[in-house]
Amino acid sequence: MTGAQEQRSPGELRADLGELRADLGETVEELAHRADVPARAKEKRDEVVGRVQEQAATARTMVAGKAPFLEDPKVLAGIGAVLVALLVVLRRRRRA
């Protein structure tokens, strides 16, 4: 400390030290999260999968009344194959 700073009691210093430790702990946790690329990739994948599932459910609801041919398992399998192929292509483009 310099002479220009006011003297602080040991209790105040301990309180400040506790706050600094808490802040440092949060910073370390944030940095560890940022450095954990596999976990971040999994989070992003889960987010995308959830979004695709929501969109698929919405599409099924919209189409259910308008297209009775979708009750045919062959048609559903074909649509599923197209969606999987689309996901594969999109993932490969993002990696490139």
PDB file of N, CA and C in Angstrom:
ATOM      1  N   MET A   1       0.839  -1.182   0.000  1.00  0.00           N
ATOM      2  CA  MET A   1       0.000   0.000   0.000  1.00  0.00           C
ATOM      3  C   MET A   1       0.879   1.239   0.000  1.00  0.00           C
ATOM      4  N   THR A   2       0.347   2.291  -0.571  1.00  0.00           N
ATOM      5  CA  THR A   2       1.062   3.562  -0.545  1.00  0.00           C
ATOM      6  C   THR A   2       0.483   4.411   0.566  1.00  0.00           C
ATOM      7  N   GLY A   3       1.191   5.465   0.896  1.00  0.00           N
ATOM      8  CA  GLY A   3       0.739   6.349   1.956  1.00  0.00           C
ATOM      9  C   GLY A   3      -0.540   7.077   1.595  1.00  0.00           C
ATOM     10  N   ALA A   4      -0.828   7.240   0.277  1.00  0.00           N
ATOM     11  CA  ALA A   4      -2.008   7.970  -0.163  1.00  0.00           C
ATOM     12  C   ALA A   4      -3.289   7.161   0.044  1.00  0.00           C
ATOM     13  N   GLN A   5      -3.176   5.846   0.111  1.00  0.00           N
ATOM     14  CA  GLN A   5      -4.369   5.015   0.304  1.00  0.00           C
ATOM     15  C   GLN A   5      -4.732   4.983   1.779  1.00  0.00           C
ATOM     16  N   GLU A   6      -6.013   4.914   2.050  1.00  0.00           N
ATOM     17  CA  GLU A   6      -6.436   4.869   3.442  1.00  0.00           C
ATOM     18  C   GLU A   6      -6.171   3.484   4.016  1.00  0.00           C
ATOM     19  N   GLN A   7      -5.947   3.440   5.274  1.00  0.00           N
ATOM     20  CA  GLN A   7      -5.702   2.170   5.957  1.00  0.00           C
ATOM     21  C   GLN A   7      -7.020   1.419   6.076  1.00  0.00           C
ATOM     22  N   ARG A   8      -6.970   0.124   5.818  1.00  0.00           N
ATOM     23  CA  ARG A   8      -8.176  -0.687   5.901  1.00  0.00           C
ATOM     24  C   ARG A   8      -7.987  -1.734   6.976  1.00  0.00           C
ATOM     25  N   SER A   9      -9.071  -2.074   7.585  1.00  0.00           N
ATOM     26  CA  SER A   9      -9.003  -3.044   8.678  1.00  0.00           C
ATOM     27  C   SER A   9      -8.786  -4.446   8.113  1.00  0.00           C
ATOM     28  N   PRO A  10      -8.265  -5.342   8.929  1.00  0.00           N
ATOM     29  CA  PRO A  10      -8.072  -6.722   8.476  1.00  0.00           C
ATOM     30  C   PRO A  10      -9.388  -7.366   8.025  1.00  0.00           C
ATOM     31  N   GLY A  11     -10.493  -7.018   8.651  1.00  0.00           N
ATOM     32  CA  GLY A  11     -11.795  -7.559   8.246  1.00  0.00           C
ATOM     33  C   GLY A  11     -12.173  -7.129   6.839  1.00  0.00           C
ATOM     34  N   GLU A  12     -11.914  -5.852   6.528  1.00  0.00           N
ATOM     35  CA  GLU A  12     -12.205  -5.353   5.184  1.00  0.00           C
ATOM     36  C   GLU A  12     -11.314  -6.030   4.157  1.00  0.00           C
ATOM     37  N   LEU A  13     -10.054  -6.195   4.513  1.00  0.00           N
ATOM     38  CA  LEU A  13      -9.130  -6.860   3.600  1.00  0.00           C
ATOM     39  C   LEU A  13      -9.557  -8.309   3.352  1.00  0.00           C
ATOM     40  N   ARG A  14     -10.001  -8.995   4.406  1.00  0.00           N
ATOM     41  CA  ARG A  14     -10.464 -10.384   4.247  1.00  0.00           C
ATOM     42  C   ARG A  14     -11.705 -10.437   3.348  1.00  0.00           C
ATOM     43  N   ALA A  15     -12.608  -9.480   3.532  1.00  0.00           N
ATOM     44  CA  ALA A  15     -13.820  -9.434   2.705  1.00  0.00           C
ATOM     45  C   ALA A  15     -13.449  -9.210   1.241  1.00  0.00           C
ATOM     46  N   ASP A  16     -12.524  -8.271   1.002  1.00  0.00           N
ATOM     47  CA  ASP A  16     -12.067  -8.019  -0.364  1.00  0.00           C
ATOM     48  C   ASP A  16     -11.398  -9.257  -0.946  1.00  0.00           C
ATOM     49  N   LEU A  17     -10.606  -9.919  -0.135  1.00  0.00           N
ATOM     50  CA  LEU A  17      -9.923 -11.129  -0.587  1.00  0.00           C
ATOM     51  C   LEU A  17     -10.946 -12.208  -0.948  1.00  0.00           C
ATOM     52  N   GLY A  18     -11.992 -12.330  -0.152  1.00  0.00           N
ATOM     53  CA  GLY A  18     -13.051 -13.298  -0.452  1.00  0.00           C
ATOM     54  C   GLY A  18     -13.735 -12.994  -1.772  1.00  0.00           C
ATOM     55  N   GLU A  19     -14.016 -11.711  -2.019  1.00  0.00           N
ATOM     56  CA  GLU A  19     -14.636 -11.306  -3.283  1.00  0.00           C
ATOM     57  C   GLU A  19     -13.710 -11.598  -4.454  1.00  0.00           C
ATOM     58  N   LEU A  20     -12.428 -11.276  -4.286  1.00  0.00           N
ATOM     59  CA  LEU A  20     -11.465 -11.533  -5.353  1.00  0.00           C
ATOM     60  C   LEU A  20     -11.363 -13.024  -5.651  1.00  0.00           C
ATOM     61  N   ARG A  21     -11.370 -13.841  -4.616  1.00  0.00           N
ATOM     62  CA  ARG A  21     -11.311 -15.295  -4.820  1.00  0.00           C
ATOM     63  C   ARG A  21     -12.545 -15.786  -5.571  1.00  0.00           C
ATOM     64  N   ALA A  22     -13.705 -15.274  -5.215  1.00  0.00           N
ATOM     65  CA  ALA A  22     -14.940 -15.672  -5.902  1.00  0.00           C
ATOM     66  C   ALA A  22     -14.886 -15.260  -7.371  1.00  0.00           C
ATOM     67  N   ASP A  23     -14.446 -14.021  -7.628  1.00  0.00           N
ATOM     68  CA  ASP A  23     -14.323 -13.546  -9.008  1.00  0.00           C
ATOM     69  C   ASP A  23     -13.328 -14.393  -9.785  1.00  0.00           C
ATOM     70  N   LEU A  24     -12.208 -14.702  -9.164  1.00  0.00           N
ATOM     71  CA  LEU A  24     -11.196 -15.518  -9.824  1.00  0.00           C
ATOM     72  C   LEU A  24     -11.746 -16.908 -10.118  1.00  0.00           C
ATOM     73  N   GLY A  25     -12.491 -17.472  -9.180  1.00  0.00           N
ATOM     74  CA  GLY A  25     -13.093 -18.785  -9.397  1.00  0.00           C
ATOM     75  C   GLY A  25     -14.042 -18.784 -10.585  1.00  0.00           C
ATOM     76  N   GLU A  26     -14.862 -17.739 -10.692  1.00  0.00           N
ATOM     77  CA  GLU A  26     -15.783 -17.628 -11.824  1.00  0.00           C
ATOM     78  C   GLU A  26     -15.015 -17.489 -13.131  1.00  0.00           C
ATOM     79  N   THR A  27     -13.948 -16.704 -13.113  1.00  0.00           N
ATOM     80  CA  THR A  27     -13.139 -16.517 -14.313  1.00  0.00           C
ATOM     81  C   THR A  27     -12.505 -17.830 -14.745  1.00  0.00           C
ATOM     82  N   VAL A  28     -11.978 -18.574 -13.793  1.00  0.00           N
ATOM     83  CA  VAL A  28     -11.350 -19.860 -14.111  1.00  0.00           C
ATOM     84  C   VAL A  28     -12.387 -20.823 -14.679  1.00  0.00           C
ATOM     85  N   GLU A  29     -13.586 -20.855 -14.103  1.00  0.00           N
ATOM     86  CA  GLU A  29     -14.639 -21.728 -14.618  1.00  0.00           C
ATOM     87  C   GLU A  29     -15.006 -21.352 -16.048  1.00  0.00           C
ATOM     88  N   GLU A  30     -15.116 -20.063 -16.318  1.00  0.00           N
ATOM     89  CA  GLU A  30     -15.450 -19.604 -17.663  1.00  0.00           C
ATOM     90  C   GLU A  30     -14.356 -19.988 -18.654  1.00  0.00           C
ATOM     91  N   LEU A  31     -13.110 -19.793 -18.281  1.00  0.00           N
ATOM     92  CA  LEU A  31     -12.006 -20.164 -19.165  1.00  0.00           C
ATOM     93  C   LEU A  31     -11.963 -21.668 -19.396  1.00  0.00           C
ATOM     94  N   ALA A  32     -12.218 -22.444 -18.369  1.00  0.00           N
ATOM     95  CA  ALA A  32     -12.235 -23.903 -18.516  1.00  0.00           C
ATOM     96  C   ALA A  32     -13.353 -24.317 -19.467  1.00  0.00           C
ATOM     97  N   HIS A  33     -14.506 -23.666 -19.357  1.00  0.00           N
ATOM     98  CA  HIS A  33     -15.621 -23.975 -20.258  1.00  0.00           C
ATOM     99  C   HIS A  33     -15.250 -23.630 -21.699  1.00  0.00           C
ATOM    100  N   ARG A  34     -14.625 -22.490 -21.890  1.00  0.00           N
ATOM    101  CA  ARG A  34     -14.233 -22.082 -23.245  1.00  0.00           C
ATOM    102  C   ARG A  34     -13.178 -23.008 -23.827  1.00  0.00           C
ATOM    103  N   ALA A  35     -12.322 -23.546 -22.996  1.00  0.00           N
ATOM    104  CA  ALA A  35     -11.257 -24.423 -23.468  1.00  0.00           C
ATOM    105  C   ALA A  35     -11.764 -25.840 -23.732  1.00  0.00           C
ATOM    106  N   ASP A  36     -12.920 -26.193 -23.216  1.00  0.00           N
ATOM    107  CA  ASP A  36     -13.467 -27.543 -23.376  1.00  0.00           C
ATOM    108  C   ASP A  36     -14.240 -27.620 -24.692  1.00  0.00           C
ATOM    109  N   VAL A  37     -13.491 -27.724 -25.791  1.00  0.00           N
ATOM    110  CA  VAL A  37     -14.090 -27.709 -27.122  1.00  0.00           C
ATOM    111  C   VAL A  37     -15.039 -28.888 -27.340  1.00  0.00           C
ATOM    112  N   PRO A  38     -14.685 -30.108 -26.944  1.00  0.00           N
ATOM    113  CA  PRO A  38     -15.626 -31.212 -27.161  1.00  0.00           C
ATOM    114  C   PRO A  38     -16.976 -30.989 -26.464  1.00  0.00           C
ATOM    115  N   ALA A  39     -16.951 -30.456 -25.272  1.00  0.00           N
ATOM    116  CA  ALA A  39     -18.210 -30.202 -24.562  1.00  0.00           C
ATOM    117  C   ALA A  39     -19.010 -29.110 -25.266  1.00  0.00           C
ATOM    118  N   ARG A  40     -18.324 -28.081 -25.744  1.00  0.00           N
ATOM    119  CA  ARG A  40     -19.020 -27.008 -26.458  1.00  0.00           C
ATOM    120  C   ARG A  40     -19.609 -27.529 -27.762  1.00  0.00           C
ATOM    121  N   ALA A  41     -18.865 -28.409 -28.451  1.00  0.00           N
ATOM    122  CA  ALA A  41     -19.371 -28.988 -29.695  1.00  0.00           C
ATOM    123  C   ALA A  41     -20.606 -29.843 -29.418  1.00  0.00           C
ATOM    124  N   LYS A  42     -20.572 -30.598 -28.334  1.00  0.00           N
ATOM    125  CA  LYS A  42     -21.724 -31.433 -27.967  1.00  0.00           C
ATOM    126  C   LYS A  42     -22.927 -30.556 -27.640  1.00  0.00           C
ATOM    127  N   GLU A  43     -22.711 -29.455 -26.924  1.00  0.00           N
ATOM    128  CA  GLU A  43     -23.806 -28.536 -26.611  1.00  0.00           C
ATOM    129  C   GLU A  43     -24.423 -27.981 -27.890  1.00  0.00           C
ATOM    130  N   LYS A  44     -23.565 -27.590 -28.831  1.00  0.00           N
ATOM    131  CA  LYS A  44     -24.052 -27.032 -30.090  1.00  0.00           C
ATOM    132  C   LYS A  44     -24.814 -28.093 -30.873  1.00  0.00           C
ATOM    133  N   ARG A  45     -24.275 -29.325 -30.892  1.00  0.00           N
ATOM    134  CA  ARG A  45     -24.946 -30.414 -31.600  1.00  0.00           C
ATOM    135  C   ARG A  45     -26.324 -30.665 -30.990  1.00  0.00           C
ATOM    136  N   ASP A  46     -26.383 -30.723 -29.674  1.00  0.00           N
ATOM    137  CA  ASP A  46     -27.660 -30.952 -28.997  1.00  0.00           C
ATOM    138  C   ASP A  46     -28.654 -29.838 -29.315  1.00  0.00           C
ATOM    139  N   GLU A  47     -28.152 -28.616 -29.384  1.00  0.00           N
ATOM    140  CA  GLU A  47     -29.006 -27.474 -29.712  1.00  0.00           C
ATOM    141  C   GLU A  47     -29.571 -27.611 -31.124  1.00  0.00           C
ATOM    142  N   VAL A  48     -28.703 -27.979 -32.081  1.00  0.00           N
ATOM    143  CA  VAL A  48     -29.133 -28.119 -33.473  1.00  0.00           C
ATOM    144  C   VAL A  48     -30.108 -29.283 -33.609  1.00  0.00           C
ATOM    145  N   VAL A  49     -29.804 -30.397 -32.957  1.00  0.00           N
ATOM    146  CA  VAL A  49     -30.693 -31.562 -33.022  1.00  0.00           C
ATOM    147  C   VAL A  49     -32.065 -31.204 -32.460  1.00  0.00           C
ATOM    148  N   GLY A  50     -32.095 -30.505 -31.354  1.00  0.00           N
ATOM    149  CA  GLY A  50     -33.371 -30.091 -30.774  1.00  0.00           C
ATOM    150  C   GLY A  50     -34.161 -29.198 -31.708  1.00  0.00           C
ATOM    151  N   ARG A  51     -33.457 -28.271 -32.348  1.00  0.00           N
ATOM    152  CA  ARG A  51     -34.126 -27.357 -33.272  1.00  0.00           C
ATOM    153  C   ARG A  51     -34.685 -28.120 -34.479  1.00  0.00           C
ATOM    154  N   VAL A  52     -33.902 -29.074 -35.004  1.00  0.00           N
ATOM    155  CA  VAL A  52     -34.358 -29.872 -36.146  1.00  0.00           C
ATOM    156  C   VAL A  52     -35.558 -30.724 -35.749  1.00  0.00           C
ATOM    157  N   GLN A  53     -35.522 -31.295 -34.551  1.00  0.00           N
ATOM    158  CA  GLN A  53     -36.650 -32.111 -34.099  1.00  0.00           C
ATOM    159  C   GLN A  53     -37.915 -31.271 -33.952  1.00  0.00           C
ATOM    160  N   GLU A  54     -37.772 -30.055 -33.451  1.00  0.00           N
ATOM    161  CA  GLU A  54     -38.930 -29.162 -33.338  1.00  0.00           C
ATOM    162  C   GLU A  54     -39.496 -28.831 -34.713  1.00  0.00           C
ATOM    163  N   GLN A  55     -38.611 -28.538 -35.665  1.00  0.00           N
ATOM    164  CA  GLN A  55     -39.060 -28.215 -37.010  1.00  0.00           C
ATOM    165  C   GLN A  55     -39.721 -29.417 -37.669  1.00  0.00           C
ATOM    166  N   ALA A  56     -39.173 -30.613 -37.435  1.00  0.00           N
ATOM    167  CA  ALA A  56     -39.766 -31.821 -38.000  1.00  0.00           C
ATOM    168  C   ALA A  56     -41.152 -32.061 -37.413  1.00  0.00           C
ATOM    169  N   ALA A  57     -41.297 -31.846 -36.118  1.00  0.00           N
ATOM    170  CA  ALA A  57     -42.605 -32.024 -35.483  1.00  0.00           C
ATOM    171  C   ALA A  57     -43.613 -31.025 -36.045  1.00  0.00           C
ATOM    172  N   THR A  58     -43.176 -29.796 -36.237  1.00  0.00           N
ATOM    173  CA  THR A  58     -44.055 -28.779 -36.810  1.00  0.00           C
ATOM    174  C   THR A  58     -44.460 -29.160 -38.228  1.00  0.00           C
ATOM    175  N   ALA A  59     -43.492 -29.633 -39.003  1.00  0.00           N
ATOM    176  CA  ALA A  59     -43.781 -30.032 -40.380  1.00  0.00           C
ATOM    177  C   ALA A  59     -44.747 -31.213 -40.407  1.00  0.00           C
ATOM    178  N   ARG A  60     -44.540 -32.174 -39.508  1.00  0.00           N
ATOM    179  CA  ARG A  60     -45.450 -33.327 -39.451  1.00  0.00           C
ATOM    180  C   ARG A  60     -46.872 -32.876 -39.134  1.00  0.00           C
ATOM    181  N   THR A  61     -47.000 -31.962 -38.212  1.00  0.00           N
ATOM    182  CA  THR A  61     -48.320 -31.468 -37.828  1.00  0.00           C
ATOM    183  C   THR A  61     -48.995 -30.763 -38.999  1.00  0.00           C
ATOM    184  N   MET A  62     -48.233 -29.959 -39.711  1.00  0.00           N
ATOM    185  CA  MET A  62     -48.793 -29.210 -40.830  1.00  0.00           C
ATOM    186  C   MET A  62     -49.203 -30.133 -41.969  1.00  0.00           C
ATOM    187  N   VAL A  63     -48.415 -31.170 -42.199  1.00  0.00           N
ATOM    188  CA  VAL A  63     -48.631 -32.033 -43.349  1.00  0.00           C
ATOM    189  C   VAL A  63     -49.623 -33.151 -43.047  1.00  0.00           C
ATOM    190  N   ALA A  64     -49.797 -33.495 -41.796  1.00  0.00           N
ATOM    191  CA  ALA A  64     -50.608 -34.657 -41.421  1.00  0.00           C
ATOM    192  C   ALA A  64     -51.999 -34.629 -42.042  1.00  0.00           C
ATOM    193  N   GLY A  65     -52.661 -33.523 -41.987  1.00  0.00           N
ATOM    194  CA  GLY A  65     -54.011 -33.443 -42.533  1.00  0.00           C
ATOM    195  C   GLY A  65     -54.050 -33.276 -44.035  1.00  0.00           C
ATOM    196  N   LYS A  66     -52.971 -32.827 -44.624  1.00  0.00           N
ATOM    197  CA  LYS A  66     -52.966 -32.502 -46.047  1.00  0.00           C
ATOM    198  C   LYS A  66     -52.421 -33.623 -46.916  1.00  0.00           C
ATOM    199  N   ALA A  67     -51.724 -34.580 -46.331  1.00  0.00           N
ATOM    200  CA  ALA A  67     -51.063 -35.594 -47.146  1.00  0.00           C
ATOM    201  C   ALA A  67     -51.202 -36.978 -46.517  1.00  0.00           C
ATOM    202  N   PRO A  68     -52.299 -37.673 -46.782  1.00  0.00           N
ATOM    203  CA  PRO A  68     -52.468 -39.005 -46.208  1.00  0.00           C
ATOM    204  C   PRO A  68     -51.436 -40.011 -46.717  1.00  0.00           C
ATOM    205  N   PHE A  69     -50.788 -39.722 -47.864  1.00  0.00           N
ATOM    206  CA  PHE A  69     -49.770 -40.642 -48.382  1.00  0.00           C
ATOM    207  C   PHE A  69     -48.577 -40.754 -47.435  1.00  0.00           C
ATOM    208  N   LEU A  70     -48.450 -39.814 -46.499  1.00  0.00           N
ATOM    209  CA  LEU A  70     -47.338 -39.874 -45.552  1.00  0.00           C
ATOM    210  C   LEU A  70     -47.505 -40.984 -44.524  1.00  0.00           C
ATOM    211  N   GLU A  71     -48.649 -41.632 -44.513  1.00  0.00           N
ATOM    212  CA  GLU A  71     -48.838 -42.753 -43.605  1.00  0.00           C
ATOM    213  C   GLU A  71     -48.130 -44.001 -44.118  1.00  0.00           C
ATOM    214  N   ASP A  72     -47.708 -43.981 -45.378  1.00  0.00           N
ATOM    215  CA  ASP A  72     -46.985 -45.111 -45.971  1.00  0.00           C
ATOM    216  C   ASP A  72     -45.562 -45.136 -45.418  1.00  0.00           C
ATOM    217  N   PRO A  73     -45.131 -46.244 -44.814  1.00  0.00           N
ATOM    218  CA  PRO A  73     -43.782 -46.316 -44.229  1.00  0.00           C
ATOM    219  C   PRO A  73     -42.666 -46.072 -45.243  1.00  0.00           C
ATOM    220  N   LYS A  74     -42.890 -46.455 -46.493  1.00  0.00           N
ATOM    221  CA  LYS A  74     -41.853 -46.249 -47.515  1.00  0.00           C
ATOM    222  C   LYS A  74     -41.624 -44.754 -47.750  1.00  0.00           C
ATOM    223  N   VAL A  75     -42.697 -44.009 -47.787  1.00  0.00           N
ATOM    224  CA  VAL A  75     -42.585 -42.562 -47.991  1.00  0.00           C
ATOM    225  C   VAL A  75     -41.884 -41.921 -46.797  1.00  0.00           C
ATOM    226  N   LEU A  76     -42.265 -42.332 -45.608  1.00  0.00           N
ATOM    227  CA  LEU A  76     -41.621 -41.792 -44.409  1.00  0.00           C
ATOM    228  C   LEU A  76     -40.136 -42.133 -44.377  1.00  0.00           C
ATOM    229  N   ALA A  77     -39.791 -43.360 -44.769  1.00  0.00           N
ATOM    230  CA  ALA A  77     -38.380 -43.754 -44.803  1.00  0.00           C
ATOM    231  C   ALA A  77     -37.620 -42.899 -45.816  1.00  0.00           C
ATOM    232  N   GLY A  78     -38.235 -42.635 -46.948  1.00  0.00           N
ATOM    233  CA  GLY A  78     -37.594 -41.795 -47.964  1.00  0.00           C
ATOM    234  C   GLY A  78     -37.370 -40.377 -47.467  1.00  0.00           C
ATOM    235  N   ILE A  79     -38.367 -39.833 -46.810  1.00  0.00           N
ATOM    236  CA  ILE A  79     -38.236 -38.480 -46.253  1.00  0.00           C
ATOM    237  C   ILE A  79     -37.149 -38.456 -45.188  1.00  0.00           C
ATOM    238  N   GLY A  80     -37.131 -39.470 -44.343  1.00  0.00           N
ATOM    239  CA  GLY A  80     -36.087 -39.558 -43.313  1.00  0.00           C
ATOM    240  C   GLY A  80     -34.706 -39.632 -43.928  1.00  0.00           C
ATOM    241  N   ALA A  81     -34.565 -40.426 -44.997  1.00  0.00           N
ATOM    242  CA  ALA A  81     -33.268 -40.551 -45.664  1.00  0.00           C
ATOM    243  C   ALA A  81     -32.826 -39.207 -46.243  1.00  0.00           C
ATOM    244  N   VAL A  82     -33.764 -38.484 -46.815  1.00  0.00           N
ATOM    245  CA  VAL A  82     -33.435 -37.165 -47.376  1.00  0.00           C
ATOM    246  C   VAL A  82     -32.997 -36.214 -46.266  1.00  0.00           C
ATOM    247  N   LEU A  83     -33.693 -36.231 -45.145  1.00  0.00           N
ATOM    248  CA  LEU A  83     -33.316 -35.356 -44.033  1.00  0.00           C
ATOM    249  C   LEU A  83     -31.938 -35.708 -43.485  1.00  0.00           C
ATOM    250  N   VAL A  84     -31.647 -36.996 -43.351  1.00  0.00           N
ATOM    251  CA  VAL A  84     -30.328 -37.417 -42.865  1.00  0.00           C
ATOM    252  C   VAL A  84     -29.253 -36.984 -43.848  1.00  0.00           C
ATOM    253  N   ALA A  85     -29.495 -37.184 -45.146  1.00  0.00           N
ATOM    254  CA  ALA A  85     -28.520 -36.766 -46.153  1.00  0.00           C
ATOM    255  C   ALA A  85     -28.296 -35.256 -46.093  1.00  0.00           C
ATOM    256  N   LEU A  86     -29.363 -34.506 -45.905  1.00  0.00           N
ATOM    257  CA  LEU A  86     -29.247 -33.053 -45.798  1.00  0.00           C
ATOM    258  C   LEU A  86     -28.404 -32.663 -44.591  1.00  0.00           C
ATOM    259  N   LEU A  87     -28.638 -33.311 -43.454  1.00  0.00           N
ATOM    260  CA  LEU A  87     -27.834 -33.032 -42.259  1.00  0.00           C
ATOM    261  C   LEU A  87     -26.361 -33.339 -42.496  1.00  0.00           C
ATOM    262  N   VAL A  88     -26.073 -34.459 -43.156  1.00  0.00           N
ATOM    263  CA  VAL A  88     -24.680 -34.837 -43.427  1.00  0.00           C
ATOM    264  C   VAL A  88     -24.018 -33.795 -44.317  1.00  0.00           C
ATOM    265  N   VAL A  89     -24.705 -33.372 -45.357  1.00  0.00           N
ATOM    266  CA  VAL A  89     -24.144 -32.371 -46.273  1.00  0.00           C
ATOM    267  C   VAL A  89     -23.892 -31.059 -45.535  1.00  0.00           C
ATOM    268  N   LEU A  90     -24.839 -30.630 -44.726  1.00  0.00           N
ATOM    269  CA  LEU A  90     -24.667 -29.374 -43.995  1.00  0.00           C
ATOM    270  C   LEU A  90     -23.504 -29.453 -43.017  1.00  0.00           C
ATOM    271  N   ARG A  91     -23.359 -30.562 -42.331  1.00  0.00           N
ATOM    272  CA  ARG A  91     -22.252 -30.709 -41.380  1.00  0.00           C
ATOM    273  C   ARG A  91     -20.912 -30.706 -42.102  1.00  0.00           C
ATOM    274  N   ARG A  92     -20.839 -31.359 -43.254  1.00  0.00           N
ATOM    275  CA  ARG A  92     -19.576 -31.386 -44.006  1.00  0.00           C
ATOM    276  C   ARG A  92     -19.221 -30.001 -44.528  1.00  0.00           C
ATOM    277  N   ARG A  93     -20.211 -29.245 -44.934  1.00  0.00           N
ATOM    278  CA  ARG A  93     -19.943 -27.887 -45.419  1.00  0.00           C
ATOM    279  C   ARG A  93     -19.409 -27.005 -44.303  1.00  0.00           C
ATOM    280  N   ARG A  94     -19.939 -27.175 -43.109  1.00  0.00           N
ATOM    281  CA  ARG A  94     -19.478 -26.358 -41.978  1.00  0.00           C
ATOM    282  C   ARG A  94     -18.060 -26.720 -41.585  1.00  0.00           C
ATOM    283  N   ARG A  95     -17.689 -27.968 -41.737  1.00  0.00           N
ATOM    284  CA  ARG A  95     -16.332 -28.391 -41.381  1.00  0.00           C
ATOM    285  C   ARG A  95     -15.312 -27.929 -42.409  1.00  0.00           C
ATOM    286  N   ALA A  96     -15.738 -27.787 -43.634  1.00  0.00           N
ATOM    287  CA  ALA A  96     -14.797 -27.413 -44.705  1.00  0.00           C
ATOM    288  C   ALA A  96     -14.416 -25.962 -44.626  1.00  0.00           C
TER     289      ALA A  96
END
